[in-house]
Amino acid sequence: MKVRIKFSKHGPVKYIGHLDILRYFQKSMRRAEVDIAYSTGFSPHQIMSFAQPLGVGMESDGDYLDIELKTHNGAKDLIDRLNSVMVPGMRIENAVELPDGVKNAMASIAAASYTVTLKNGQDYPEEVVSKWDEFIASKSIIITKETKKNTLEVDLKPHIYEASLKNDIFECLVDASSAGNIKSTQILEALYNYAGIEFNKIDFQVTRIDTFTNEGTEEKPKLIPLDAMGVTF
């Protein structure tokens, strides 16, 4: 049975890289005595895949991983078993069964929502807040994006679905698909540049609120959280 697990990550564990998070969950499955399925072959491994790696230092209320179970005693038992072995700051929030034919979590991603605050707890600079309405109303928001091979100019505007800036918090819903994959800090950096204020990425705490798939069309998207693709078991 294919199962999608939603988990949150806060506190010191936010500094653990994705490969270590993978190893952490592999060990957690064994410690919780979850009857997870293994691949066949010379070097069997747990059948497990993540939706989208989270950057080091970022927190999350809505990250996902898919696993396959051989046997189970229901979602509540699975959640309780895993939470009993989780470290502080890591918590299993939900578990659902995936119907046949549903794409894996990574292939399903269409969008993600974020909040961004200043780590020092202060409000955003007045010069930045006062420029927000003018900035977001622009027909285009061009940034320079460096890749391994070249430098590209990218227009962020078509990939920003929702965005708001209050004195103490920035919130956005953006394209997180492989074709777009916009970062919340890219919008903020463009805003700071627009306002003529120096931007330093390490000043900000980014939290991913949830990750979504699109059950509509490209013209009329219908975004739902990744765990809404499954059913209770």
Protein backbone atom coordinates (compact mmCIF):
# COMPACT_ATOMS: atom_id res chain seq x y z
CA MET A 1 0.00 0.00 0.00
CA LYS A 2 1.30 3.45 -0.92
CA VAL A 3 1.14 6.03 1.87
CA ARG A 4 1.83 9.75 1.90
CA ILE A 5 3.13 11.20 5.16
CA LYS A 6 2.97 14.89 6.04
CA PHE A 7 5.52 16.16 8.55
CA SER A 8 6.66 19.42 10.10
CA LYS A 9 10.18 20.52 10.97
CA HIS A 10 11.07 23.32 13.38
CA GLY A 11 13.91 24.33 15.66
CA PRO A 12 17.50 23.01 15.49
CA VAL A 13 16.58 20.19 13.06
CA LYS A 14 16.13 22.85 10.37
CA TYR A 15 19.94 22.85 10.04
CA ILE A 16 20.00 19.18 8.97
CA GLY A 17 20.52 18.69 5.22
CA HIS A 18 18.23 16.64 3.02
CA LEU A 19 20.43 13.52 2.83
CA ASP A 20 20.58 13.39 6.61
CA ILE A 21 16.79 13.84 6.78
CA LEU A 22 16.49 10.85 4.46
CA ARG A 23 18.74 8.74 6.69
CA TYR A 24 16.86 9.99 9.76
CA PHE A 25 13.52 8.77 8.41
CA GLN A 26 15.00 5.44 7.36
CA LYS A 27 16.21 4.88 10.92
CA SER A 28 12.91 6.15 12.34
CA MET A 29 10.97 3.57 10.32
CA ARG A 30 13.10 0.80 11.84
CA ARG A 31 12.89 2.19 15.38
CA ALA A 32 9.11 2.59 15.11
CA GLU A 33 8.87 -0.97 13.71
CA VAL A 34 6.96 0.22 10.67
CA ASP A 35 6.45 -2.64 8.21
CA ILE A 36 7.81 -0.67 5.27
CA ALA A 37 8.45 -2.34 1.93
CA TYR A 38 11.98 -2.74 0.56
CA SER A 39 13.22 -2.78 -2.99
CA THR A 40 14.48 -6.02 -4.48
CA GLY A 41 17.97 -6.67 -5.75
CA PHE A 42 21.51 -6.91 -4.43
CA SER A 43 21.19 -3.92 -2.07
CA PRO A 44 17.57 -3.60 -0.82
CA HIS A 45 16.50 -0.20 0.49
CA GLN A 46 13.31 1.21 1.94
CA ILE A 47 10.84 2.39 -0.70
CA MET A 48 10.68 6.07 0.23
CA SER A 49 10.67 9.34 -1.71
CA PHE A 50 10.34 12.99 -0.68
CA ALA A 51 8.27 15.71 -2.32
CA GLN A 52 10.86 18.48 -2.44
CA PRO A 53 14.06 18.93 -0.44
CA LEU A 54 13.93 21.85 1.96
CA GLY A 55 16.86 24.26 2.09
CA VAL A 56 19.08 24.15 5.17
CA GLY A 57 17.82 26.65 7.76
CA MET A 58 14.23 26.60 6.49
CA GLU A 59 11.38 25.40 8.69
CA SER A 60 8.22 23.65 7.50
CA ASP A 61 4.63 22.96 8.50
CA GLY A 62 3.95 20.90 5.39
CA ASP A 63 6.61 18.60 3.97
CA TYR A 64 5.82 15.20 2.47
CA LEU A 65 7.28 11.77 1.85
CA ASP A 66 5.81 8.70 0.17
CA ILE A 67 6.42 5.16 1.41
CA GLU A 68 5.08 1.69 0.69
CA LEU A 69 3.77 -0.48 3.53
CA LYS A 70 3.51 -4.25 3.57
CA THR A 71 1.13 -4.33 6.57
CA HIS A 72 -0.36 -1.70 8.87
CA ASN A 73 -2.83 -1.03 11.69
CA GLY A 74 -4.23 2.19 10.31
CA ALA A 75 -3.06 5.77 9.95
CA LYS A 76 -3.34 6.66 13.64
CA ASP A 77 -1.11 3.75 14.64
CA LEU A 78 1.46 4.73 11.99
CA ILE A 79 1.46 8.38 13.10
CA ASP A 80 1.71 7.45 16.80
CA ARG A 81 4.53 4.96 16.16
CA LEU A 82 6.59 7.50 14.22
CA ASN A 83 5.94 10.39 16.60
CA SER A 84 7.11 8.22 19.50
CA VAL A 85 10.61 8.13 17.96
CA MET A 86 10.75 11.66 16.49
CA VAL A 87 13.35 14.11 17.81
CA PRO A 88 12.18 17.48 19.21
CA GLY A 89 11.03 19.76 16.38
CA MET A 90 10.12 16.92 14.02
CA ARG A 91 6.48 15.78 13.99
CA ILE A 92 4.25 13.60 11.81
CA GLU A 93 1.10 15.58 11.03
CA ASN A 94 -0.90 13.25 8.78
CA ALA A 95 -0.83 10.01 6.80
CA VAL A 96 -3.11 9.02 3.92
CA GLU A 97 -3.37 6.11 1.50
CA LEU A 98 -2.69 6.98 -2.13
CA PRO A 99 -5.10 5.57 -4.73
CA ASP A 100 -3.67 3.65 -7.68
CA GLY A 101 -2.34 5.85 -10.44
CA VAL A 102 -1.47 8.85 -8.27
CA LYS A 103 1.91 10.36 -9.13
CA ASN A 104 4.61 10.38 -6.48
CA ALA A 105 4.95 13.47 -4.32
CA MET A 106 7.81 15.04 -6.25
CA ALA A 107 6.08 14.65 -9.62
CA SER A 108 2.83 16.08 -8.18
CA ILE A 109 4.19 19.42 -6.95
CA ALA A 110 2.66 22.52 -8.52
CA ALA A 111 2.96 25.19 -5.83
CA ALA A 112 4.10 25.94 -2.29
CA SER A 113 3.15 28.53 0.31
CA TYR A 114 5.63 30.31 2.56
CA THR A 115 5.90 32.83 5.33
CA VAL A 116 9.07 34.88 5.81
CA THR A 117 9.94 36.91 8.91
CA LEU A 118 13.03 38.70 10.12
CA LYS A 119 15.04 36.56 12.53
CA ASN A 120 15.53 39.47 14.92
CA GLY A 121 11.76 39.75 15.36
CA GLN A 122 11.66 43.28 14.01
CA ASP A 123 9.32 44.65 11.34
CA TYR A 124 10.32 44.99 7.72
CA PRO A 125 11.94 48.36 6.92
CA GLU A 126 9.38 51.10 6.29
CA GLU A 127 11.04 51.86 2.93
CA VAL A 128 10.36 48.27 1.83
CA VAL A 129 6.76 48.09 3.10
CA SER A 130 5.87 51.42 1.48
CA LYS A 131 7.06 50.13 -1.92
CA TRP A 132 5.16 46.84 -1.79
CA ASP A 133 1.93 47.83 -3.58
CA GLU A 134 3.83 49.55 -6.38
CA PHE A 135 6.26 46.64 -6.67
CA ILE A 136 3.70 43.83 -6.82
CA ALA A 137 1.56 45.78 -9.30
CA SER A 138 4.42 45.82 -11.81
CA LYS A 139 3.80 44.02 -15.09
CA SER A 140 7.02 42.09 -14.64
CA ILE A 141 9.52 41.34 -11.87
CA ILE A 142 12.82 40.51 -13.54
CA ILE A 143 15.65 38.85 -11.63
CA THR A 144 19.01 37.50 -12.74
CA LYS A 145 19.37 33.79 -12.08
CA GLU A 146 22.74 32.08 -12.27
CA THR A 147 22.92 28.43 -13.28
CA LYS A 148 25.91 26.12 -13.62
CA LYS A 149 26.10 26.85 -17.34
CA ASN A 150 24.97 30.45 -17.77
CA THR A 151 23.11 33.48 -16.43
CA LEU A 152 19.43 33.96 -17.19
CA GLU A 153 16.89 36.72 -16.77
CA VAL A 154 13.68 35.37 -15.24
CA ASP A 155 10.31 37.09 -14.81
CA LEU A 156 8.92 36.12 -11.41
CA LYS A 157 5.51 37.73 -11.91
CA PRO A 158 3.76 34.85 -13.76
CA HIS A 159 4.92 32.43 -11.05
CA ILE A 160 3.55 34.41 -8.09
CA TYR A 161 -0.01 33.24 -7.41
CA GLU A 162 -0.59 35.16 -4.18
CA ALA A 163 1.60 37.49 -2.12
CA SER A 164 1.18 39.98 0.71
CA LEU A 165 3.49 41.99 2.92
CA LYS A 166 2.56 43.24 6.35
CA ASN A 167 4.86 45.06 8.73
CA ASP A 168 6.22 41.87 10.31
CA ILE A 169 5.50 39.05 7.85
CA PHE A 170 5.70 38.25 4.14
CA GLU A 171 3.39 35.54 2.80
CA CYS A 172 3.27 34.03 -0.66
CA LEU A 173 1.94 31.18 -2.76
CA VAL A 174 4.27 30.50 -5.67
CA ASP A 175 5.05 28.09 -8.49
CA ALA A 176 7.06 25.18 -7.10
CA SER A 177 6.95 22.92 -10.16
CA SER A 178 10.09 21.82 -11.95
CA ALA A 179 9.34 24.37 -14.67
CA GLY A 180 9.08 27.30 -12.26
CA ASN A 181 10.27 26.57 -8.72
CA ILE A 182 10.27 30.13 -7.40
CA LYS A 183 11.80 30.85 -3.99
CA SER A 184 10.12 33.26 -1.59
CA THR A 185 13.46 34.98 -0.93
CA GLN A 186 13.82 35.74 -4.66
CA ILE A 187 10.69 37.88 -4.44
CA LEU A 188 11.92 39.62 -1.32
CA GLU A 189 15.34 40.28 -2.80
CA ALA A 190 13.71 41.82 -5.88
CA LEU A 191 11.55 43.96 -3.59
CA TYR A 192 14.53 45.15 -1.54
CA ASN A 193 16.41 46.02 -4.73
CA TYR A 194 13.36 47.91 -5.96
CA ALA A 195 13.29 49.87 -2.70
CA GLY A 196 17.05 50.49 -2.80
CA ILE A 197 17.67 48.56 0.43
CA GLU A 198 20.48 46.06 0.94
CA PHE A 199 19.25 42.47 1.07
CA ASN A 200 20.95 39.76 3.15
CA LYS A 201 19.39 36.31 2.90
CA ILE A 202 20.62 35.19 6.33
CA ASP A 203 18.48 37.85 8.03
CA PHE A 204 15.26 35.97 7.21
CA GLN A 205 13.47 32.94 8.60
CA VAL A 206 11.58 31.08 5.88
CA THR A 207 8.82 28.62 6.74
CA ARG A 208 7.12 26.42 4.15
CA ILE A 209 3.45 26.29 5.14
CA ASP A 210 2.28 23.65 2.69
CA THR A 211 2.94 22.06 -0.69
CA PHE A 212 0.24 21.74 -3.37
CA THR A 213 -0.71 19.87 -6.50
CA ASN A 214 -2.92 21.20 -9.29
CA GLU A 215 -6.14 19.27 -9.92
CA GLY A 216 -7.37 21.88 -12.38
CA THR A 217 -5.84 23.14 -15.59
CA GLU A 218 -2.99 25.52 -16.32
CA GLU A 219 -5.54 28.21 -17.23
CA LYS A 220 -7.81 27.49 -14.22
CA PRO A 221 -5.65 25.91 -11.50
CA LYS A 222 -7.21 24.15 -8.53
CA LEU A 223 -4.50 23.84 -5.91
CA ILE A 224 -4.90 21.30 -3.10
CA PRO A 225 -2.41 20.12 -0.44
CA LEU A 226 -0.52 16.96 -1.36
CA ASP A 227 -2.18 14.94 1.41
CA ALA A 228 -5.62 15.82 -0.02
CA MET A 229 -4.79 13.45 -2.90
CA GLY A 230 -5.11 10.50 -0.53
CA VAL A 231 -7.79 8.87 1.63
CA THR A 232 -7.94 7.97 5.30
CA PHE A 233 -6.99 4.40 6.17
